[in-house]
Amino acid sequence: MTIAPVSASIPPFLPAPFLSGPHRQTIWGRLVRSRDLVAFRRERLEAPDGERLVLDHAGEEGNPRLLVLHGLEGSSRSVYVQGMAAAALARGLSVTVLNFRSCAVETGGRTVAVTRPRLYHSGDTADLDHVARTLAARSPGQPLVAAGVSLGGNALLKWLGENPAQPFVAAAATVSVPYDLEAGSRFLECPSGRLYVEVFLKTLRGKSRDLCARFREARERIDIHRLELAQTFWDLDDAATGPLHGFAGADDYYARASSVGFLSRIATPTLCLSATDDPFLPPSALQRVRAAASKAVALVEVPRGGHAGFVGGSSLFRPSYWAEEAVIGWLADRVREENAGS
């Protein structure tokens, strides 16, 4: 596949003047955007371990397809997922969202409980692998592309590095990936970062409590006392996330799950968008990403944009969402090139 220079296909990002700081960029869309732009059809796909994965589909069967992976504690109703899905449908792509285990939202706001003693994490690629293979097998004549945001982007990059010869996904794109999980965790221990962390800790604590109440294996692995006292991601991951999913603790989890260690092996054309002012990751981590990435990875770093924000436009009532538009435009171009070459 021949790829045009990234600078020629990705427009510059001009932050909205009323959202100049990283926190405003990060929070704005979550507060004002619709979570119902796209009407999905739900499927429950059995995973190899017997769990029923929740997939949400939109668009016409037989079209080229976009697989979307959401961020930490997101779902198909996350505003950035809805934005990407709407943009993809407008360009003739069908869309599938993989809701990570325990993240799918039912009518009324209830989350879908897991049936196995595990949840999901930043380096969990088994479900992604199963879904990518399944979708590719269903439409062998049409390209499959993938996009991941934050945690979902980390998992996507790790999977691409684990499977450099994979024939299923023709191209991939990510937004605001926390490439170095340890660096991101420590960076969020600053006062402003703790406000973000506590939002996630509230729901993740609840999910871990539920697992402990339902599964003996979870009770044996999770330190529920330390979990209740957790104030940082490292605390949570050392007490629960790491041991629950087979890691020795937070440090082992971060070392083995961070996508920065897999970037050099990626052979699939991949676009990665990040902001230097991302409050979830120190700028120094992006320097290591640039040094580690293979030639198949196109890195675009802009000075401002926050975490998965990238809100542009001059109107408060009609803002644009640069990263979503850039990702979908770039992936749609890759689909056209793939179809032209087939």
C-alpha atoms as a PDB file:
ATOM      1  CA  MET A   1       0.000   0.000   0.000  1.00  0.00           C
ATOM      2  CA  THR A   2       1.384   3.401  -0.981  1.00  0.00           C
ATOM      3  CA  ILE A   3       0.637   6.141   1.527  1.00  0.00           C
ATOM      4  CA  ALA A   4       0.619   9.863   0.748  1.00  0.00           C
ATOM      5  CA  PRO A   5       2.700  12.019   3.103  1.00  0.00           C
ATOM      6  CA  VAL A   6       0.854  12.536   6.369  1.00  0.00           C
ATOM      7  CA  SER A   7       1.302  16.295   6.156  1.00  0.00           C
ATOM      8  CA  ALA A   8      -0.650  16.270   2.893  1.00  0.00           C
ATOM      9  CA  SER A   9      -3.585  14.290   4.281  1.00  0.00           C
ATOM     10  CA  ILE A  10      -3.932  15.640   7.842  1.00  0.00           C
ATOM     11  CA  PRO A  11      -5.098  19.262   8.146  1.00  0.00           C
ATOM     12  CA  PRO A  12      -3.546  21.481  10.838  1.00  0.00           C
ATOM     13  CA  PHE A  13      -5.307  21.697  14.184  1.00  0.00           C
ATOM     14  CA  LEU A  14      -6.430  25.106  15.403  1.00  0.00           C
ATOM     15  CA  PRO A  15      -7.870  24.885  18.933  1.00  0.00           C
ATOM     16  CA  ALA A  16     -11.156  26.630  19.547  1.00  0.00           C
ATOM     17  CA  PRO A  17     -10.346  30.033  21.078  1.00  0.00           C
ATOM     18  CA  PHE A  18     -12.808  29.490  23.913  1.00  0.00           C
ATOM     19  CA  LEU A  19     -11.102  26.175  24.850  1.00  0.00           C
ATOM     20  CA  SER A  20      -7.460  27.141  25.089  1.00  0.00           C
ATOM     21  CA  GLY A  21      -6.266  24.909  27.941  1.00  0.00           C
ATOM     22  CA  PRO A  22      -5.744  21.118  28.072  1.00  0.00           C
ATOM     23  CA  HIS A  23      -8.411  20.513  30.709  1.00  0.00           C
ATOM     24  CA  ARG A  24     -11.080  22.460  28.840  1.00  0.00           C
ATOM     25  CA  GLN A  25     -10.166  20.568  25.677  1.00  0.00           C
ATOM     26  CA  THR A  26     -10.367  17.242  27.534  1.00  0.00           C
ATOM     27  CA  ILE A  27     -13.656  17.862  29.321  1.00  0.00           C
ATOM     28  CA  TRP A  28     -15.703  19.931  26.864  1.00  0.00           C
ATOM     29  CA  GLY A  29     -16.965  17.178  24.583  1.00  0.00           C
ATOM     30  CA  ARG A  30     -17.922  14.905  27.472  1.00  0.00           C
ATOM     31  CA  LEU A  31     -20.218  17.599  28.826  1.00  0.00           C
ATOM     32  CA  VAL A  32     -21.973  18.887  25.724  1.00  0.00           C
ATOM     33  CA  ARG A  33     -21.864  16.288  22.942  1.00  0.00           C
ATOM     34  CA  SER A  34     -24.608  13.803  22.113  1.00  0.00           C
ATOM     35  CA  ARG A  35     -24.172  10.158  23.015  1.00  0.00           C
ATOM     36  CA  ASP A  36     -26.904   9.129  20.588  1.00  0.00           C
ATOM     37  CA  LEU A  37     -25.633  10.216  17.175  1.00  0.00           C
ATOM     38  CA  VAL A  38     -25.585   6.636  15.882  1.00  0.00           C
ATOM     39  CA  ALA A  39     -28.135   3.857  16.360  1.00  0.00           C
ATOM     40  CA  PHE A  40     -26.266   0.597  16.786  1.00  0.00           C
ATOM     41  CA  ARG A  41     -27.338  -3.009  16.376  1.00  0.00           C
ATOM     42  CA  ARG A  42     -26.089  -5.156  19.252  1.00  0.00           C
ATOM     43  CA  GLU A  43     -24.427  -8.552  18.942  1.00  0.00           C
ATOM     44  CA  ARG A  44     -23.099 -10.850  21.627  1.00  0.00           C
ATOM     45  CA  LEU A  45     -20.116 -12.758  20.283  1.00  0.00           C
ATOM     46  CA  GLU A  46     -18.768 -15.708  22.219  1.00  0.00           C
ATOM     47  CA  ALA A  47     -15.084 -15.396  23.111  1.00  0.00           C
ATOM     48  CA  PRO A  48     -12.785 -18.430  23.351  1.00  0.00           C
ATOM     49  CA  ASP A  49     -13.127 -18.436  27.162  1.00  0.00           C
ATOM     50  CA  GLY A  50     -16.924 -18.433  26.977  1.00  0.00           C
ATOM     51  CA  GLU A  51     -17.523 -14.757  27.780  1.00  0.00           C
ATOM     52  CA  ARG A  52     -20.110 -13.031  25.597  1.00  0.00           C
ATOM     53  CA  LEU A  53     -18.407 -10.001  24.068  1.00  0.00           C
ATOM     54  CA  VAL A  54     -20.707  -7.085  23.294  1.00  0.00           C
ATOM     55  CA  LEU A  55     -20.312  -5.660  19.786  1.00  0.00           C
ATOM     56  CA  ASP A  56     -22.308  -2.725  18.467  1.00  0.00           C
ATOM     57  CA  HIS A  57     -22.713  -2.444  14.674  1.00  0.00           C
ATOM     58  CA  ALA A  58     -23.925   0.277  12.316  1.00  0.00           C
ATOM     59  CA  GLY A  59     -23.979   0.646   8.540  1.00  0.00           C
ATOM     60  CA  GLU A  60     -24.607  -1.714   5.662  1.00  0.00           C
ATOM     61  CA  GLU A  61     -23.254  -5.226   5.662  1.00  0.00           C
ATOM     62  CA  GLY A  62     -20.673  -5.803   2.949  1.00  0.00           C
ATOM     63  CA  ASN A  63     -19.176  -2.324   3.144  1.00  0.00           C
ATOM     64  CA  PRO A  64     -15.578  -1.718   4.241  1.00  0.00           C
ATOM     65  CA  ARG A  65     -15.632  -1.725   8.037  1.00  0.00           C
ATOM     66  CA  LEU A  66     -14.158   0.349  10.842  1.00  0.00           C
ATOM     67  CA  LEU A  67     -13.507  -1.373  14.174  1.00  0.00           C
ATOM     68  CA  VAL A  68     -13.470   1.107  17.074  1.00  0.00           C
ATOM     69  CA  LEU A  69     -11.861   0.540  20.483  1.00  0.00           C
ATOM     70  CA  HIS A  70     -12.873   2.959  23.243  1.00  0.00           C
ATOM     71  CA  GLY A  71     -10.896   4.271  26.187  1.00  0.00           C
ATOM     72  CA  LEU A  72     -10.873   3.478  29.895  1.00  0.00           C
ATOM     73  CA  GLU A  73     -14.435   2.999  31.188  1.00  0.00           C
ATOM     74  CA  GLY A  74     -15.843   4.103  27.843  1.00  0.00           C
ATOM     75  CA  SER A  75     -18.282   2.292  25.572  1.00  0.00           C
ATOM     76  CA  SER A  76     -20.079   2.666  22.254  1.00  0.00           C
ATOM     77  CA  ARG A  77     -21.904   5.604  23.865  1.00  0.00           C
ATOM     78  CA  SER A  78     -18.716   7.563  24.504  1.00  0.00           C
ATOM     79  CA  VAL A  79     -18.927  10.874  22.662  1.00  0.00           C
ATOM     80  CA  TYR A  80     -15.715  10.329  20.682  1.00  0.00           C
ATOM     81  CA  VAL A  81     -16.908   6.867  19.597  1.00  0.00           C
ATOM     82  CA  GLN A  82     -20.206   8.338  18.462  1.00  0.00           C
ATOM     83  CA  GLY A  83     -18.321  11.071  16.585  1.00  0.00           C
ATOM     84  CA  MET A  84     -16.009   8.621  14.835  1.00  0.00           C
ATOM     85  CA  ALA A  85     -18.878   6.307  13.975  1.00  0.00           C
ATOM     86  CA  ALA A  86     -20.962   9.114  12.484  1.00  0.00           C
ATOM     87  CA  ALA A  87     -18.019  10.343  10.409  1.00  0.00           C
ATOM     88  CA  ALA A  88     -17.269   6.823   9.188  1.00  0.00           C
ATOM     89  CA  LEU A  89     -20.863   6.159   8.179  1.00  0.00           C
ATOM     90  CA  ALA A  90     -20.889   9.436   6.238  1.00  0.00           C
ATOM     91  CA  ARG A  91     -17.917   8.138   4.220  1.00  0.00           C
ATOM     92  CA  GLY A  92     -19.572   4.820   3.370  1.00  0.00           C
ATOM     93  CA  LEU A  93     -17.896   2.691   6.015  1.00  0.00           C
ATOM     94  CA  SER A  94     -19.727   0.313   8.303  1.00  0.00           C
ATOM     95  CA  VAL A  95     -18.787   0.449  11.972  1.00  0.00           C
ATOM     96  CA  THR A  96     -18.276  -2.071  14.747  1.00  0.00           C
ATOM     97  CA  VAL A  97     -17.490  -1.039  18.319  1.00  0.00           C
ATOM     98  CA  LEU A  98     -15.907  -3.568  20.656  1.00  0.00           C
ATOM     99  CA  ASN A  99     -17.186  -2.773  24.138  1.00  0.00           C
ATOM    100  CA  PHE A 100     -14.519  -4.026  26.520  1.00  0.00           C
ATOM    101  CA  ARG A 101     -15.647  -6.459  29.181  1.00  0.00           C
ATOM    102  CA  SER A 102     -17.898  -4.789  31.794  1.00  0.00           C
ATOM    103  CA  CYS A 103     -18.198  -1.586  29.700  1.00  0.00           C
ATOM    104  CA  ALA A 104     -21.221  -2.108  27.440  1.00  0.00           C
ATOM    105  CA  VAL A 105     -24.227  -0.003  28.440  1.00  0.00           C
ATOM    106  CA  GLU A 106     -27.768  -1.351  28.267  1.00  0.00           C
ATOM    107  CA  THR A 107     -30.929   0.728  27.811  1.00  0.00           C
ATOM    108  CA  GLY A 108     -31.443   2.591  31.050  1.00  0.00           C
ATOM    109  CA  GLY A 109     -27.745   2.999  31.752  1.00  0.00           C
ATOM    110  CA  ARG A 110     -26.961  -0.358  33.352  1.00  0.00           C
ATOM    111  CA  THR A 111     -23.614  -1.891  32.389  1.00  0.00           C
ATOM    112  CA  VAL A 112     -23.421  -5.468  31.143  1.00  0.00           C
ATOM    113  CA  ALA A 113     -21.883  -7.652  33.851  1.00  0.00           C
ATOM    114  CA  VAL A 114     -19.154 -10.123  32.988  1.00  0.00           C
ATOM    115  CA  THR A 115     -19.639 -13.867  33.439  1.00  0.00           C
ATOM    116  CA  ARG A 116     -15.969 -14.662  33.987  1.00  0.00           C
ATOM    117  CA  PRO A 117     -13.660 -13.534  36.831  1.00  0.00           C
ATOM    118  CA  ARG A 118     -11.827 -10.889  34.843  1.00  0.00           C
ATOM    119  CA  LEU A 119     -12.365  -7.413  33.382  1.00  0.00           C
ATOM    120  CA  TYR A 120     -10.125  -5.673  30.807  1.00  0.00           C
ATOM    121  CA  HIS A 121      -6.896  -3.686  30.807  1.00  0.00           C
ATOM    122  CA  SER A 122      -4.657  -1.526  28.608  1.00  0.00           C
ATOM    123  CA  GLY A 123      -2.655  -4.432  27.240  1.00  0.00           C
ATOM    124  CA  ASP A 124      -5.515  -6.906  26.794  1.00  0.00           C
ATOM    125  CA  THR A 125      -5.421  -7.946  23.134  1.00  0.00           C
ATOM    126  CA  ALA A 126      -7.096 -11.384  23.173  1.00  0.00           C
ATOM    127  CA  ASP A 127     -10.623 -10.069  22.610  1.00  0.00           C
ATOM    128  CA  LEU A 128      -9.407  -7.643  19.944  1.00  0.00           C
ATOM    129  CA  ASP A 129      -7.675 -10.490  18.133  1.00  0.00           C
ATOM    130  CA  HIS A 130     -10.812 -12.641  18.234  1.00  0.00           C
ATOM    131  CA  VAL A 131     -13.045  -9.824  16.977  1.00  0.00           C
ATOM    132  CA  ALA A 132     -10.658  -8.752  14.200  1.00  0.00           C
ATOM    133  CA  ARG A 133     -10.418 -12.317  12.922  1.00  0.00           C
ATOM    134  CA  THR A 134     -14.190 -12.749  13.099  1.00  0.00           C
ATOM    135  CA  LEU A 135     -14.970  -9.518  11.232  1.00  0.00           C
ATOM    136  CA  ALA A 136     -12.366 -10.208   8.547  1.00  0.00           C
ATOM    137  CA  ALA A 137     -13.752 -13.707   7.997  1.00  0.00           C
ATOM    138  CA  ARG A 138     -17.298 -12.381   7.625  1.00  0.00           C
ATOM    139  CA  SER A 139     -16.368  -9.978   4.793  1.00  0.00           C
ATOM    140  CA  PRO A 140     -13.289 -11.410   3.076  1.00  0.00           C
ATOM    141  CA  GLY A 141     -13.640  -9.111   0.077  1.00  0.00           C
ATOM    142  CA  GLN A 142     -13.792  -5.833   2.002  1.00  0.00           C
ATOM    143  CA  PRO A 143     -11.052  -3.970   3.899  1.00  0.00           C
ATOM    144  CA  LEU A 144     -11.179  -3.806   7.683  1.00  0.00           C
ATOM    145  CA  VAL A 145      -9.560  -0.807   9.402  1.00  0.00           C
ATOM    146  CA  ALA A 146      -9.324  -0.015  13.106  1.00  0.00           C
ATOM    147  CA  ALA A 147      -9.206   3.017  15.384  1.00  0.00           C
ATOM    148  CA  GLY A 148      -8.460   3.171  19.094  1.00  0.00           C
ATOM    149  CA  VAL A 149      -8.714   6.006  21.595  1.00  0.00           C
ATOM    150  CA  SER A 150      -6.580   6.205  24.758  1.00  0.00           C
ATOM    151  CA  LEU A 151      -6.609   2.730  26.387  1.00  0.00           C
ATOM    152  CA  GLY A 152      -8.168   1.265  23.233  1.00  0.00           C
ATOM    153  CA  GLY A 153      -5.379   2.782  21.172  1.00  0.00           C
ATOM    154  CA  ASN A 154      -2.743   1.274  23.455  1.00  0.00           C
ATOM    155  CA  ALA A 155      -4.311  -2.160  23.052  1.00  0.00           C
ATOM    156  CA  LEU A 156      -4.525  -1.717  19.279  1.00  0.00           C
ATOM    157  CA  LEU A 157      -0.857  -0.720  18.925  1.00  0.00           C
ATOM    158  CA  LYS A 158       0.230  -3.580  21.177  1.00  0.00           C
ATOM    159  CA  TRP A 159      -1.784  -6.059  19.083  1.00  0.00           C
ATOM    160  CA  LEU A 160      -0.266  -4.722  15.854  1.00  0.00           C
ATOM    161  CA  GLY A 161       3.214  -5.125  17.338  1.00  0.00           C
ATOM    162  CA  GLU A 162       2.437  -8.615  18.574  1.00  0.00           C
ATOM    163  CA  ASN A 163       1.179  -9.578  15.112  1.00  0.00           C
ATOM    164  CA  PRO A 164       3.313  -7.733  12.547  1.00  0.00           C
ATOM    165  CA  ALA A 165       2.260 -10.093   9.758  1.00  0.00           C
ATOM    166  CA  GLN A 166      -1.465 -10.001  10.561  1.00  0.00           C
ATOM    167  CA  PRO A 167      -3.628  -9.927   7.387  1.00  0.00           C
ATOM    168  CA  PHE A 168      -6.893  -8.814   9.011  1.00  0.00           C
ATOM    169  CA  VAL A 169      -6.596  -5.047   9.596  1.00  0.00           C
ATOM    170  CA  ALA A 170      -5.428  -3.077   6.554  1.00  0.00           C
ATOM    171  CA  ALA A 171      -4.693   0.176   8.413  1.00  0.00           C
ATOM    172  CA  ALA A 172      -5.052   1.590  11.913  1.00  0.00           C
ATOM    173  CA  ALA A 173      -5.203   4.928  13.698  1.00  0.00           C
ATOM    174  CA  THR A 174      -5.052   6.014  17.327  1.00  0.00           C
ATOM    175  CA  VAL A 175      -5.802   9.121  19.390  1.00  0.00           C
ATOM    176  CA  SER A 176      -4.215  10.148  22.714  1.00  0.00           C
ATOM    177  CA  VAL A 177      -2.552   6.828  23.507  1.00  0.00           C
ATOM    178  CA  PRO A 178      -0.879   6.531  26.957  1.00  0.00           C
ATOM    179  CA  TYR A 179       2.067   4.722  25.370  1.00  0.00           C
ATOM    180  CA  ASP A 180       4.022   4.409  28.628  1.00  0.00           C
ATOM    181  CA  LEU A 181       1.574   3.338  31.334  1.00  0.00           C
ATOM    182  CA  GLU A 182       3.977   3.871  34.215  1.00  0.00           C
ATOM    183  CA  ALA A 183       4.847   7.390  33.064  1.00  0.00           C
ATOM    184  CA  GLY A 184       1.177   8.214  32.568  1.00  0.00           C
ATOM    185  CA  SER A 185       0.215   6.863  35.974  1.00  0.00           C
ATOM    186  CA  ARG A 186       2.877   8.911  37.743  1.00  0.00           C
ATOM    187  CA  PHE A 187       2.033  12.015  35.706  1.00  0.00           C
ATOM    188  CA  LEU A 188      -1.583  11.809  36.869  1.00  0.00           C
ATOM    189  CA  GLU A 189      -0.509  11.945  40.510  1.00  0.00           C
ATOM    190  CA  CYS A 190      -0.325  15.744  40.258  1.00  0.00           C
ATOM    191  CA  PRO A 191      -3.257  17.645  41.860  1.00  0.00           C
ATOM    192  CA  SER A 192      -5.156  18.198  38.606  1.00  0.00           C
ATOM    193  CA  GLY A 193      -4.518  14.609  37.506  1.00  0.00           C
ATOM    194  CA  ARG A 194      -6.026  13.209  40.686  1.00  0.00           C
ATOM    195  CA  LEU A 195      -9.379  14.725  39.718  1.00  0.00           C
ATOM    196  CA  TYR A 196      -9.416  12.594  36.566  1.00  0.00           C
ATOM    197  CA  VAL A 197      -8.174   9.512  38.396  1.00  0.00           C
ATOM    198  CA  GLU A 198     -10.868   9.609  41.048  1.00  0.00           C
ATOM    199  CA  VAL A 199     -13.595   9.550  38.392  1.00  0.00           C
ATOM    200  CA  PHE A 200     -12.176   6.296  37.033  1.00  0.00           C
ATOM    201  CA  LEU A 201     -11.409   4.819  40.461  1.00  0.00           C
ATOM    202  CA  LYS A 202     -15.034   5.155  41.503  1.00  0.00           C
ATOM    203  CA  THR A 203     -16.353   2.838  38.780  1.00  0.00           C
ATOM    204  CA  LEU A 204     -13.352   0.505  38.724  1.00  0.00           C
ATOM    205  CA  ARG A 205     -13.572  -0.050  42.485  1.00  0.00           C
ATOM    206  CA  GLY A 206     -17.226  -0.962  42.071  1.00  0.00           C
ATOM    207  CA  LYS A 207     -16.483  -3.462  39.333  1.00  0.00           C
ATOM    208  CA  SER A 208     -13.718  -5.072  41.388  1.00  0.00           C
ATOM    209  CA  ARG A 209     -15.998  -5.317  44.422  1.00  0.00           C
ATOM    210  CA  ASP A 210     -18.623  -7.014  42.263  1.00  0.00           C
ATOM    211  CA  LEU A 211     -16.085  -9.535  40.964  1.00  0.00           C
ATOM    212  CA  CYS A 212     -14.947 -10.339  44.491  1.00  0.00           C
ATOM    213  CA  ALA A 213     -18.546 -10.885  45.587  1.00  0.00           C
ATOM    214  CA  ARG A 214     -19.250 -13.236  42.685  1.00  0.00           C
ATOM    215  CA  PHE A 215     -16.012 -15.137  42.032  1.00  0.00           C
ATOM    216  CA  ARG A 216     -13.656 -16.876  44.436  1.00  0.00           C
ATOM    217  CA  GLU A 217     -10.785 -16.500  41.952  1.00  0.00           C
ATOM    218  CA  ALA A 218     -11.197 -12.738  42.027  1.00  0.00           C
ATOM    219  CA  ARG A 219     -11.263 -12.702  45.841  1.00  0.00           C
ATOM    220  CA  GLU A 220      -8.030 -14.659  45.882  1.00  0.00           C
ATOM    221  CA  ARG A 221      -6.263 -12.226  43.530  1.00  0.00           C
ATOM    222  CA  ILE A 222      -7.591  -8.795  44.466  1.00  0.00           C
ATOM    223  CA  ASP A 223      -6.448  -7.118  47.691  1.00  0.00           C
ATOM    224  CA  ILE A 224      -9.806  -5.565  48.489  1.00  0.00           C
ATOM    225  CA  HIS A 225      -8.480  -3.591  51.482  1.00  0.00           C
ATOM    226  CA  ARG A 226      -5.781  -1.918  49.422  1.00  0.00           C
ATOM    227  CA  LEU A 227      -8.275  -1.403  46.614  1.00  0.00           C
ATOM    228  CA  GLU A 228     -10.586   0.579  48.903  1.00  0.00           C
ATOM    229  CA  LEU A 229      -7.672   2.789  49.966  1.00  0.00           C
ATOM    230  CA  ALA A 230      -6.397   3.356  46.400  1.00  0.00           C
ATOM    231  CA  GLN A 231      -5.882   6.993  45.459  1.00  0.00           C
ATOM    232  CA  THR A 232      -3.799   6.597  42.289  1.00  0.00           C
ATOM    233  CA  PHE A 233      -3.824   4.382  39.218  1.00  0.00           C
ATOM    234  CA  TRP A 234      -0.688   2.662  40.540  1.00  0.00           C
ATOM    235  CA  ASP A 235      -2.513   1.809  43.787  1.00  0.00           C
ATOM    236  CA  LEU A 236      -5.462   0.375  41.868  1.00  0.00           C
ATOM    237  CA  ASP A 237      -3.341  -1.531  39.380  1.00  0.00           C
ATOM    238  CA  ASP A 238      -1.096  -2.994  42.076  1.00  0.00           C
ATOM    239  CA  ALA A 239      -4.025  -4.126  44.223  1.00  0.00           C
ATOM    240  CA  ALA A 240      -6.471  -5.227  41.523  1.00  0.00           C
ATOM    241  CA  THR A 241      -5.853  -4.767  37.789  1.00  0.00           C
ATOM    242  CA  GLY A 242      -2.414  -6.384  37.741  1.00  0.00           C
ATOM    243  CA  PRO A 243      -2.981  -9.474  39.910  1.00  0.00           C
ATOM    244  CA  LEU A 244      -6.498 -10.061  38.555  1.00  0.00           C
ATOM    245  CA  HIS A 245      -5.109 -10.389  35.020  1.00  0.00           C
ATOM    246  CA  GLY A 246      -1.994 -12.440  35.726  1.00  0.00           C
ATOM    247  CA  PHE A 247       0.604  -9.743  36.424  1.00  0.00           C
ATOM    248  CA  ALA A 248       2.800  -9.629  39.507  1.00  0.00           C
ATOM    249  CA  GLY A 249       1.613  -6.103  40.255  1.00  0.00           C
ATOM    250  CA  ALA A 250       1.402  -2.612  38.785  1.00  0.00           C
ATOM    251  CA  ASP A 251       5.038  -2.382  37.713  1.00  0.00           C
ATOM    252  CA  ASP A 252       4.902  -5.742  35.917  1.00  0.00           C
ATOM    253  CA  TYR A 253       1.607  -4.767  34.296  1.00  0.00           C
ATOM    254  CA  TYR A 254       2.951  -1.435  33.068  1.00  0.00           C
ATOM    255  CA  ALA A 255       6.146  -2.967  31.710  1.00  0.00           C
ATOM    256  CA  ARG A 256       4.375  -5.707  29.773  1.00  0.00           C
ATOM    257  CA  ALA A 257       1.264  -3.815  28.625  1.00  0.00           C
ATOM    258  CA  SER A 258       2.700  -0.472  27.471  1.00  0.00           C
ATOM    259  CA  SER A 259       2.486  -0.121  23.702  1.00  0.00           C
ATOM    260  CA  VAL A 260       5.776   1.794  23.481  1.00  0.00           C
ATOM    261  CA  GLY A 261       7.531  -1.555  23.714  1.00  0.00           C
ATOM    262  CA  PHE A 262       5.719  -2.859  20.626  1.00  0.00           C
ATOM    263  CA  LEU A 263       5.915   0.108  18.241  1.00  0.00           C
ATOM    264  CA  SER A 264       9.122  -1.022  16.558  1.00  0.00           C
ATOM    265  CA  ARG A 265       7.447  -4.216  15.291  1.00  0.00           C
ATOM    266  CA  ILE A 266       4.372  -2.648  13.685  1.00  0.00           C
ATOM    267  CA  ALA A 267       4.173  -3.286   9.938  1.00  0.00           C
ATOM    268  CA  THR A 268       0.574  -2.156   9.351  1.00  0.00           C
ATOM    269  CA  PRO A 269       0.146   1.463   8.145  1.00  0.00           C
ATOM    270  CA  THR A 270      -0.752   3.308  11.342  1.00  0.00           C
ATOM    271  CA  LEU A 271      -1.521   6.931  12.183  1.00  0.00           C
ATOM    272  CA  CYS A 272      -1.062   8.130  15.781  1.00  0.00           C
ATOM    273  CA  LEU A 273      -2.362  11.533  16.935  1.00  0.00           C
ATOM    274  CA  SER A 274      -1.272  13.078  20.247  1.00  0.00           C
ATOM    275  CA  ALA A 275      -1.187  16.460  21.961  1.00  0.00           C
ATOM    276  CA  THR A 276       1.896  17.690  23.794  1.00  0.00           C
ATOM    277  CA  ASP A 277      -0.361  19.114  26.517  1.00  0.00           C
ATOM    278  CA  ASP A 278      -2.195  15.811  27.127  1.00  0.00           C
ATOM    279  CA  PRO A 279      -2.852  15.794  30.903  1.00  0.00           C
ATOM    280  CA  PHE A 280      -2.655  11.983  30.905  1.00  0.00           C
ATOM    281  CA  LEU A 281       0.920  11.662  29.600  1.00  0.00           C
ATOM    282  CA  PRO A 282       4.160  13.659  30.046  1.00  0.00           C
ATOM    283  CA  PRO A 283       5.669  15.145  26.865  1.00  0.00           C
ATOM    284  CA  SER A 284       8.875  13.193  27.477  1.00  0.00           C
ATOM    285  CA  ALA A 285       6.997   9.962  26.778  1.00  0.00           C
ATOM    286  CA  LEU A 286       6.219  11.157  23.260  1.00  0.00           C
ATOM    287  CA  GLN A 287       9.935  11.603  22.632  1.00  0.00           C
ATOM    288  CA  ARG A 288      10.463   7.915  23.437  1.00  0.00           C
ATOM    289  CA  VAL A 289       7.569   7.018  21.152  1.00  0.00           C
ATOM    290  CA  ARG A 290       9.181   8.832  18.234  1.00  0.00           C
ATOM    291  CA  ALA A 291      12.452   6.992  18.839  1.00  0.00           C
ATOM    292  CA  ALA A 292      10.764   3.591  19.083  1.00  0.00           C
ATOM    293  CA  ALA A 293       8.203   3.690  16.251  1.00  0.00           C
ATOM    294  CA  SER A 294       8.715   1.711  13.065  1.00  0.00           C
ATOM    295  CA  LYS A 295       8.523   3.313   9.626  1.00  0.00           C
ATOM    296  CA  ALA A 296       4.944   2.059   9.290  1.00  0.00           C
ATOM    297  CA  VAL A 297       3.849   4.358  12.111  1.00  0.00           C
ATOM    298  CA  ALA A 298       3.068   7.994  11.252  1.00  0.00           C
ATOM    299  CA  LEU A 299       3.206  10.129  14.393  1.00  0.00           C
ATOM    300  CA  VAL A 300       1.420  13.487  14.453  1.00  0.00           C
ATOM    301  CA  GLU A 301       1.932  15.572  17.593  1.00  0.00           C
ATOM    302  CA  VAL A 302       0.231  18.936  18.012  1.00  0.00           C
ATOM    303  CA  PRO A 303       0.958  21.402  20.825  1.00  0.00           C
ATOM    304  CA  ARG A 304      -2.594  21.567  22.172  1.00  0.00           C
ATOM    305  CA  GLY A 305      -5.649  19.350  22.246  1.00  0.00           C
ATOM    306  CA  GLY A 306      -5.758  17.805  25.709  1.00  0.00           C
ATOM    307  CA  HIS A 307      -6.682  14.142  26.062  1.00  0.00           C
ATOM    308  CA  ALA A 308      -8.944  12.947  23.224  1.00  0.00           C
ATOM    309  CA  GLY A 309     -10.307  16.480  22.960  1.00  0.00           C
ATOM    310  CA  PHE A 310      -8.945  18.338  19.909  1.00  0.00           C
ATOM    311  CA  VAL A 311     -11.904  20.713  19.789  1.00  0.00           C
ATOM    312  CA  GLY A 312     -11.614  23.264  16.979  1.00  0.00           C
ATOM    313  CA  GLY A 313     -13.779  25.811  15.220  1.00  0.00           C
ATOM    314  CA  SER A 314     -14.673  29.375  16.002  1.00  0.00           C
ATOM    315  CA  SER A 315     -18.275  28.827  17.095  1.00  0.00           C
ATOM    316  CA  LEU A 316     -19.270  27.703  20.566  1.00  0.00           C
ATOM    317  CA  PHE A 317     -22.375  26.089  19.090  1.00  0.00           C
ATOM    318  CA  ARG A 318     -20.746  24.336  16.115  1.00  0.00           C
ATOM    319  CA  PRO A 319     -17.310  23.136  17.178  1.00  0.00           C
ATOM    320  CA  SER A 320     -15.311  20.642  15.146  1.00  0.00           C
ATOM    321  CA  TYR A 321     -13.473  17.591  16.443  1.00  0.00           C
ATOM    322  CA  TRP A 322     -10.193  17.490  14.579  1.00  0.00           C
ATOM    323  CA  ALA A 323      -8.781  14.138  15.691  1.00  0.00           C
ATOM    324  CA  GLU A 324     -11.925  12.196  14.855  1.00  0.00           C
ATOM    325  CA  GLU A 325     -12.220  13.830  11.445  1.00  0.00           C
ATOM    326  CA  ALA A 326      -8.515  13.352  10.699  1.00  0.00           C
ATOM    327  CA  VAL A 327      -8.536   9.693  11.709  1.00  0.00           C
ATOM    328  CA  ILE A 328     -11.637   8.814   9.707  1.00  0.00           C
ATOM    329  CA  GLY A 329     -10.432  10.770   6.670  1.00  0.00           C
ATOM    330  CA  TRP A 330      -7.038   9.081   6.759  1.00  0.00           C
ATOM    331  CA  LEU A 331      -8.516   5.595   7.207  1.00  0.00           C
ATOM    332  CA  ALA A 332     -11.055   6.184   4.431  1.00  0.00           C
ATOM    333  CA  ASP A 333      -8.170   7.077   2.128  1.00  0.00           C
ATOM    334  CA  ARG A 334      -6.429   3.827   3.056  1.00  0.00           C
ATOM    335  CA  VAL A 335      -9.633   1.902   2.262  1.00  0.00           C
ATOM    336  CA  ARG A 336      -9.830   3.509  -1.171  1.00  0.00           C
ATOM    337  CA  GLU A 337      -6.199   2.622  -1.850  1.00  0.00           C
ATOM    338  CA  GLU A 338      -6.789  -0.922  -0.674  1.00  0.00           C
ATOM    339  CA  ASN A 339      -9.811  -1.330  -2.946  1.00  0.00           C
ATOM    340  CA  ALA A 340      -7.993   0.257  -5.885  1.00  0.00           C
ATOM    341  CA  GLY A 341      -5.126  -2.181  -5.510  1.00  0.00           C
ATOM    342  CA  SER A 342      -7.263  -5.300  -5.156  1.00  0.00           C
END
